[in-house]
Amino acid sequence: MSLSAAYQDRSRLTAIWLFSVAVLVLAMVVVGGVTRLTDSGLSITEWAPISGALPPLNEADWARAFDAYRRTTEYQQVNAGMTLQEFESIYWWEWVHRLLGRLIGVAFAVPFAILLIMRAIPRRLIWRCVVLLAMGGLQGLVGWWMVVSGLAGRVDVAPERLTTHLGLALLIFVGLVWTALEAEYGEDYSRSPAGWTRGALALLALVFFQCLLGGLVAGNDAGRVYTDWPLMEGSFFPPVDWGLGAMAFLHDQGLVQFMHRLGGYAVFLCAAVFLYRALRLRLSEGVPAAAIALMAAVFVQMLLGIATLMTALNPWLAGFHQAGGVIVLGLATYLLWRVRRSQPRLFMSSGIASRGL
């Protein structure tokens, strides 16, 4: 195989690899959410990237792990008197979460090395893969930074650190999806009207920000309060502890949930407007279909969010809602990618389509 052929612009094998890792990241986010719901995230009190891959293998190992957990503030103030068997139930969730992180690292790094040796990755995508690999390594450090915040002086991790951890995972997910699409379809030499690209990018940014607000809701256990809808205990705006100052936007349960609700409404409205204009102006290259898929996912996600709230965080609904958020983000990423490769059909004499949004 010639060098030029080996470094061709498209690579189905690379796309399959990257899409597969993206699915693992989605699973990682969901398992992380369940770990948070079950209050399991502080059960492992040390960061051992290599040796930590093995769980406790005998009674002495379990006793040491449990003894370390008993020194945390969470145990002393929330779980005092917990039995070893109860500790094991939360330990396994955190261990699976960390194991999945290790597996994602292997699932990315090993095929990356093999595909490089095979010269199967398009040259222009190699640097992107290197950046994604570095982001994955950084994610492990950020995860430990998050855990440390809850080991002493708090009974939970700091919400802003949890949100940072989630946000980095979602950035990696978006990067994986975008790079996989580039590997599958090759480099894009067309350009859509700037207005449409800006609109799709703004919609993606809004979805990403809404996911971060979801992280703040999870970090503050804000989904367990104000479980009525559409009001919040009969009021549009909940009482807020403004004594926290600007930190109220990160730590006040009512305000955090209120922002997440507004974010959901904003995503729904913007996705609907984008879909309406895409259908009206008949953008080509699959943009209307992508906008329809995104709108449908946003609608289902809103219903899941309302149901999750009104059931005070039913674990199954909460898990589907977390997965739904990542799926919506993936579809918003695909919509932007598709928009950048489209050209409007100039079917109106006024040329309105060419002006974009």
Protein backbone atom coordinates (compact mmCIF):
# COMPACT_ATOMS: atom_id res chain seq x y z
CA MET A 1 0.00 0.00 0.00
CA SER A 2 1.42 3.40 -0.96
CA LEU A 3 1.89 6.16 1.55
CA SER A 4 -0.69 8.35 -0.17
CA ALA A 5 -3.24 5.55 -0.15
CA ALA A 6 -2.55 4.71 3.48
CA TYR A 7 -3.13 8.33 4.49
CA GLN A 8 -6.25 8.77 2.41
CA ASP A 9 -8.73 11.44 3.37
CA ARG A 10 -11.39 8.96 4.54
CA SER A 11 -11.11 5.99 6.86
CA ARG A 12 -14.09 3.82 7.79
CA LEU A 13 -11.95 1.93 10.31
CA THR A 14 -11.00 5.15 12.10
CA ALA A 15 -14.62 6.27 12.16
CA ILE A 16 -15.81 3.00 13.69
CA TRP A 17 -13.10 3.22 16.35
CA LEU A 18 -13.96 6.80 17.31
CA PHE A 19 -17.72 6.22 17.30
CA SER A 20 -17.20 3.17 19.54
CA VAL A 21 -15.19 5.21 22.04
CA ALA A 22 -17.92 7.88 21.96
CA VAL A 23 -20.47 5.22 22.97
CA LEU A 24 -18.21 4.23 25.87
CA VAL A 25 -18.03 7.87 26.97
CA LEU A 26 -21.84 8.04 26.89
CA ALA A 27 -21.94 4.95 29.12
CA MET A 28 -19.34 6.56 31.38
CA VAL A 29 -21.52 9.64 31.87
CA VAL A 30 -24.54 7.49 32.75
CA VAL A 31 -22.60 5.33 35.20
CA GLY A 32 -21.16 8.49 36.72
CA GLY A 33 -24.68 9.82 37.16
CA VAL A 34 -25.82 6.63 38.87
CA THR A 35 -22.72 6.78 41.08
CA ARG A 36 -23.81 10.24 42.13
CA LEU A 37 -27.43 9.18 42.68
CA THR A 38 -26.36 6.33 44.95
CA ASP A 39 -23.92 8.54 46.90
CA SER A 40 -21.11 6.18 45.95
CA GLY A 41 -18.54 8.63 44.64
CA LEU A 42 -16.54 9.00 47.86
CA SER A 43 -16.34 5.31 48.70
CA ILE A 44 -12.83 4.97 47.21
CA THR A 45 -10.56 7.42 48.99
CA GLU A 46 -7.33 7.02 47.02
CA TRP A 47 -6.26 7.52 43.45
CA ALA A 48 -4.31 4.53 42.21
CA PRO A 49 -4.47 4.52 38.41
CA ILE A 50 -2.72 1.13 38.09
CA SER A 51 -3.19 -0.85 41.30
CA GLY A 52 -6.69 0.53 41.75
CA ALA A 53 -7.87 -1.47 38.75
CA LEU A 54 -8.18 -4.46 41.11
CA PRO A 55 -10.98 -4.37 43.70
CA PRO A 56 -10.48 -5.68 47.27
CA LEU A 57 -9.79 -9.40 46.94
CA ASN A 58 -10.07 -10.57 50.55
CA GLU A 59 -11.48 -9.58 53.91
CA ALA A 60 -8.33 -7.68 54.89
CA ASP A 61 -8.51 -5.58 51.72
CA TRP A 62 -12.17 -4.79 52.34
CA ALA A 63 -11.43 -3.86 55.94
CA ARG A 64 -8.71 -1.43 54.85
CA ALA A 65 -10.94 0.18 52.23
CA PHE A 66 -13.80 0.51 54.72
CA ASP A 67 -11.51 1.95 57.38
CA ALA A 68 -10.34 4.63 54.95
CA TYR A 69 -13.93 5.52 54.11
CA ARG A 70 -14.82 5.79 57.80
CA ARG A 71 -12.36 8.68 58.06
CA THR A 72 -14.33 10.77 55.55
CA THR A 73 -16.77 13.47 56.60
CA GLU A 74 -19.51 11.76 54.60
CA TYR A 75 -19.28 8.62 56.71
CA GLN A 76 -19.08 10.53 60.00
CA GLN A 77 -22.03 12.82 59.30
CA VAL A 78 -24.23 10.79 56.97
CA ASN A 79 -23.38 7.08 57.05
CA ALA A 80 -22.17 6.52 60.62
CA GLY A 81 -22.93 2.93 61.56
CA MET A 82 -22.88 1.67 57.99
CA THR A 83 -22.09 -2.04 57.79
CA LEU A 84 -19.36 -3.53 55.64
CA GLN A 85 -21.99 -5.05 53.36
CA GLU A 86 -23.61 -1.65 52.86
CA PHE A 87 -20.22 -0.14 52.13
CA GLU A 88 -19.56 -2.80 49.49
CA SER A 89 -22.75 -1.81 47.63
CA ILE A 90 -21.57 1.78 47.14
CA TYR A 91 -17.94 0.79 46.61
CA TRP A 92 -18.80 -1.29 43.53
CA TRP A 93 -20.51 1.61 41.76
CA GLU A 94 -17.46 3.85 42.13
CA TRP A 95 -15.11 1.00 41.20
CA VAL A 96 -17.10 0.29 38.01
CA HIS A 97 -17.06 4.00 37.18
CA ARG A 98 -13.29 4.16 37.49
CA LEU A 99 -12.81 0.85 35.68
CA LEU A 100 -14.86 2.14 32.77
CA GLY A 101 -12.62 5.20 32.65
CA ARG A 102 -9.57 2.93 32.43
CA LEU A 103 -11.22 0.85 29.70
CA ILE A 104 -11.95 3.99 27.69
CA GLY A 105 -8.29 4.94 27.95
CA VAL A 106 -7.23 1.53 26.65
CA ALA A 107 -9.97 1.52 23.98
CA PHE A 108 -8.61 4.81 22.67
CA ALA A 109 -4.86 4.48 23.11
CA VAL A 110 -4.30 0.92 21.85
CA PRO A 111 -6.28 1.20 18.57
CA PHE A 112 -4.78 4.67 18.07
CA ALA A 113 -1.28 3.21 18.17
CA ILE A 114 -2.24 0.32 15.89
CA LEU A 115 -3.96 2.58 13.36
CA LEU A 116 -0.94 4.89 13.36
CA ILE A 117 1.34 1.96 12.59
CA MET A 118 -1.06 0.88 9.83
CA ARG A 119 -1.10 4.47 8.52
CA ALA A 120 -4.88 4.19 8.48
CA ILE A 121 -5.73 7.52 10.13
CA PRO A 122 -6.05 10.50 7.77
CA ARG A 123 -3.09 12.78 8.36
CA ARG A 124 -5.24 15.81 9.12
CA LEU A 125 -7.01 13.95 11.96
CA ILE A 126 -3.93 12.67 13.79
CA TRP A 127 -3.41 15.85 15.79
CA ARG A 128 -7.08 15.84 16.79
CA CYS A 129 -6.72 12.31 18.12
CA VAL A 130 -3.63 13.34 20.08
CA VAL A 131 -5.60 16.19 21.65
CA LEU A 132 -8.44 13.81 22.53
CA LEU A 133 -5.96 11.41 24.12
CA ALA A 134 -4.51 14.24 26.21
CA MET A 135 -8.00 15.35 27.24
CA GLY A 136 -8.73 11.80 28.37
CA GLY A 137 -5.65 11.82 30.59
CA LEU A 138 -6.64 15.21 31.98
CA GLN A 139 -10.10 13.83 32.73
CA GLY A 140 -8.61 11.33 35.17
CA LEU A 141 -6.85 14.13 37.03
CA VAL A 142 -10.00 16.25 37.09
CA GLY A 143 -11.97 13.29 38.42
CA TRP A 144 -9.57 12.88 41.34
CA TRP A 145 -9.58 16.67 41.93
CA MET A 146 -13.36 16.38 42.19
CA VAL A 147 -13.24 13.46 44.65
CA VAL A 148 -10.69 15.21 46.89
CA SER A 149 -13.13 18.09 47.41
CA GLY A 150 -15.52 15.76 49.24
CA LEU A 151 -13.19 13.68 51.39
CA ALA A 152 -12.89 16.15 54.27
CA GLY A 153 -15.11 19.00 55.42
CA ARG A 154 -17.96 18.13 53.04
CA VAL A 155 -20.42 15.27 52.66
CA ASP A 156 -20.42 15.55 48.85
CA VAL A 157 -18.02 16.65 46.16
CA ALA A 158 -18.05 20.33 45.24
CA PRO A 159 -20.81 20.89 42.62
CA GLU A 160 -18.59 23.12 40.48
CA ARG A 161 -15.91 20.43 40.35
CA LEU A 162 -18.45 17.77 39.44
CA THR A 163 -19.71 20.05 36.67
CA THR A 164 -16.16 20.60 35.42
CA HIS A 165 -15.64 16.82 35.35
CA LEU A 166 -18.87 16.35 33.41
CA GLY A 167 -18.11 19.22 31.06
CA LEU A 168 -14.73 17.79 30.09
CA ALA A 169 -16.31 14.39 29.42
CA LEU A 170 -18.87 16.05 27.16
CA LEU A 171 -16.19 18.00 25.29
CA ILE A 172 -14.37 14.72 24.67
CA PHE A 173 -17.64 13.19 23.45
CA VAL A 174 -18.26 16.05 21.02
CA GLY A 175 -14.67 15.80 19.76
CA LEU A 176 -15.01 12.07 19.21
CA VAL A 177 -18.27 12.40 17.28
CA TRP A 178 -17.01 15.26 15.11
CA THR A 179 -13.70 13.56 14.32
CA ALA A 180 -15.46 10.28 13.55
CA LEU A 181 -17.74 12.08 11.08
CA GLU A 182 -14.71 13.68 9.45
CA ALA A 183 -13.03 10.28 9.16
CA GLU A 184 -16.14 8.69 7.68
CA TYR A 185 -16.97 11.36 5.10
CA GLY A 186 -13.65 13.05 4.39
CA GLU A 187 -12.66 16.69 4.42
CA ASP A 188 -15.30 19.30 3.66
CA TYR A 189 -14.53 21.83 0.95
CA SER A 190 -17.96 23.46 0.83
CA ARG A 191 -19.18 26.23 3.06
CA SER A 192 -22.73 26.94 4.10
CA PRO A 193 -23.93 30.51 4.68
CA ALA A 194 -22.29 31.92 7.80
CA GLY A 195 -25.64 32.65 9.42
CA TRP A 196 -26.66 29.01 9.41
CA THR A 197 -23.31 27.90 10.78
CA ARG A 198 -23.49 30.46 13.58
CA GLY A 199 -27.05 29.40 14.37
CA ALA A 200 -26.16 25.71 14.59
CA LEU A 201 -23.06 26.50 16.65
CA ALA A 202 -25.11 28.63 19.06
CA LEU A 203 -27.60 25.79 19.41
CA LEU A 204 -24.82 23.32 20.19
CA ALA A 205 -23.34 25.73 22.74
CA LEU A 206 -26.76 26.12 24.37
CA VAL A 207 -27.22 22.36 24.63
CA PHE A 208 -23.74 22.03 26.13
CA PHE A 209 -24.49 24.77 28.69
CA GLN A 210 -27.77 23.05 29.58
CA CYS A 211 -25.84 19.84 30.24
CA LEU A 212 -23.54 21.78 32.58
CA LEU A 213 -26.57 23.11 34.43
CA GLY A 214 -27.67 19.49 34.76
CA GLY A 215 -24.31 18.80 36.38
CA LEU A 216 -24.95 21.56 38.91
CA VAL A 217 -28.38 20.08 39.63
CA ALA A 218 -26.78 16.68 40.26
CA GLY A 219 -23.98 18.17 42.34
CA ASN A 220 -26.42 20.00 44.60
CA ASP A 221 -29.02 17.20 44.79
CA ALA A 222 -31.34 19.88 43.43
CA GLY A 223 -33.54 17.31 41.72
CA ARG A 224 -34.86 16.18 45.10
CA VAL A 225 -36.50 19.53 45.89
CA TYR A 226 -39.34 21.40 44.17
CA THR A 227 -40.73 18.26 42.59
CA ASP A 228 -43.83 19.92 41.14
CA TRP A 229 -44.11 21.28 37.61
CA PRO A 230 -44.49 23.75 35.90
CA LEU A 231 -44.28 25.82 39.11
CA MET A 232 -41.90 25.36 42.02
CA GLU A 233 -44.01 24.73 45.12
CA GLY A 234 -46.64 27.02 43.66
CA SER A 235 -44.27 29.81 42.63
CA PHE A 236 -42.56 30.63 39.37
CA PHE A 237 -39.33 31.63 41.11
CA PRO A 238 -38.12 29.75 44.21
CA PRO A 239 -36.73 31.38 47.36
CA VAL A 240 -32.96 31.83 47.06
CA ASP A 241 -30.32 32.13 49.76
CA TRP A 242 -28.69 35.29 48.41
CA GLY A 243 -26.45 35.30 51.47
CA LEU A 244 -24.25 33.01 49.40
CA GLY A 245 -23.61 35.90 47.03
CA ALA A 246 -22.58 34.91 43.53
CA MET A 247 -22.06 31.34 44.79
CA ALA A 248 -25.85 31.01 44.93
CA PHE A 249 -25.72 30.36 41.19
CA LEU A 250 -23.59 27.29 41.92
CA HIS A 251 -24.82 26.11 45.32
CA ASP A 252 -28.45 27.16 45.93
CA GLN A 253 -30.70 24.19 45.13
CA GLY A 254 -33.73 26.21 44.10
CA LEU A 255 -31.82 28.63 41.88
CA VAL A 256 -29.80 25.86 40.23
CA GLN A 257 -32.94 23.89 39.41
CA PHE A 258 -34.67 27.06 38.16
CA MET A 259 -31.77 27.77 35.78
CA HIS A 260 -31.89 24.20 34.51
CA ARG A 261 -35.61 24.51 33.84
CA LEU A 262 -35.12 27.75 31.92
CA GLY A 263 -32.27 26.17 30.00
CA GLY A 264 -34.55 23.33 28.95
CA TYR A 265 -37.18 25.74 27.71
CA ALA A 266 -34.54 27.71 25.80
CA VAL A 267 -33.16 24.60 24.10
CA PHE A 268 -36.66 23.48 23.11
CA LEU A 269 -37.54 26.91 21.68
CA CYS A 270 -34.28 27.35 19.78
CA ALA A 271 -34.38 23.83 18.36
CA ALA A 272 -37.98 24.43 17.21
CA VAL A 273 -37.10 27.75 15.55
CA PHE A 274 -34.10 26.20 13.81
CA LEU A 275 -36.22 23.30 12.56
CA TYR A 276 -38.95 25.64 11.29
CA ARG A 277 -36.49 27.73 9.30
CA ALA A 278 -34.61 24.69 8.00
CA LEU A 279 -37.87 23.23 6.66
CA ARG A 280 -39.08 26.56 5.31
CA LEU A 281 -35.85 27.34 3.47
CA ARG A 282 -35.26 23.71 2.51
CA LEU A 283 -31.58 23.42 3.27
CA SER A 284 -29.96 20.59 1.38
CA GLU A 285 -27.64 17.78 2.40
CA GLY A 286 -29.78 16.30 5.14
CA VAL A 287 -30.00 19.36 7.40
CA PRO A 288 -33.80 19.18 7.82
CA ALA A 289 -33.59 15.50 8.78
CA ALA A 290 -30.87 16.27 11.33
CA ALA A 291 -32.95 19.14 12.74
CA ILE A 292 -36.00 16.88 13.02
CA ALA A 293 -33.98 14.23 14.87
CA LEU A 294 -32.64 16.85 17.28
CA MET A 295 -36.08 18.33 17.90
CA ALA A 296 -37.54 14.88 18.61
CA ALA A 297 -34.73 14.07 21.03
CA VAL A 298 -35.13 17.42 22.81
CA PHE A 299 -38.87 16.80 23.21
CA VAL A 300 -38.31 13.33 24.68
CA GLN A 301 -35.56 14.71 26.92
CA MET A 302 -37.89 17.38 28.29
CA LEU A 303 -40.53 14.75 29.11
CA LEU A 304 -37.89 12.61 30.82
CA GLY A 305 -36.67 15.60 32.80
CA ILE A 306 -40.16 16.48 34.01
CA ALA A 307 -40.90 12.85 34.91
CA THR A 308 -37.57 12.50 36.71
CA LEU A 309 -38.27 15.64 38.73
CA MET A 310 -41.85 14.72 39.63
CA THR A 311 -40.77 11.27 40.82
CA ALA A 312 -38.03 12.83 43.01
CA LEU A 313 -35.24 11.24 40.96
CA ASN A 314 -36.51 7.80 40.10
CA PRO A 315 -33.22 6.00 39.35
CA TRP A 316 -34.32 4.57 36.02
CA LEU A 317 -35.78 7.83 34.78
CA ALA A 318 -32.74 9.74 36.00
CA GLY A 319 -30.44 7.35 34.14
CA PHE A 320 -32.41 7.72 30.91
CA HIS A 321 -32.45 11.49 31.37
CA GLN A 322 -28.67 11.59 31.74
CA ALA A 323 -28.23 9.41 28.66
CA GLY A 324 -30.73 11.59 26.81
CA GLY A 325 -28.69 14.69 27.52
CA VAL A 326 -25.60 13.17 25.91
CA ILE A 327 -27.64 11.95 22.92
CA VAL A 328 -29.09 15.44 22.41
CA LEU A 329 -25.56 16.86 22.54
CA GLY A 330 -24.44 14.30 19.96
CA LEU A 331 -27.32 15.20 17.64
CA ALA A 332 -26.59 18.92 18.04
CA THR A 333 -22.98 18.16 17.09
CA TYR A 334 -24.14 16.24 14.03
CA LEU A 335 -26.49 19.08 13.05
CA LEU A 336 -23.64 21.61 13.12
CA TRP A 337 -21.41 19.25 11.15
CA ARG A 338 -24.17 18.71 8.60
CA VAL A 339 -24.94 22.43 8.30
CA ARG A 340 -21.28 23.18 7.54
CA ARG A 341 -21.50 20.81 4.57
CA SER A 342 -24.78 22.08 3.16
CA GLN A 343 -25.79 24.63 0.60
CA PRO A 344 -29.24 26.25 0.61
CA ARG A 345 -31.53 25.65 -2.32
CA LEU A 346 -32.16 29.02 -3.81
CA PHE A 347 -35.80 28.46 -4.65
CA MET A 348 -37.03 31.96 -3.74
CA SER A 349 -36.46 34.86 -6.08
CA SER A 350 -35.74 37.12 -3.12
CA GLY A 351 -32.69 35.03 -2.28
CA ILE A 352 -33.72 34.74 1.37
CA ALA A 353 -32.13 31.30 1.65
CA SER A 354 -28.72 32.61 0.73
CA ARG A 355 -28.81 35.02 3.63
CA GLY A 356 -29.05 32.18 6.14
CA LEU A 357 -30.49 32.79 9.58
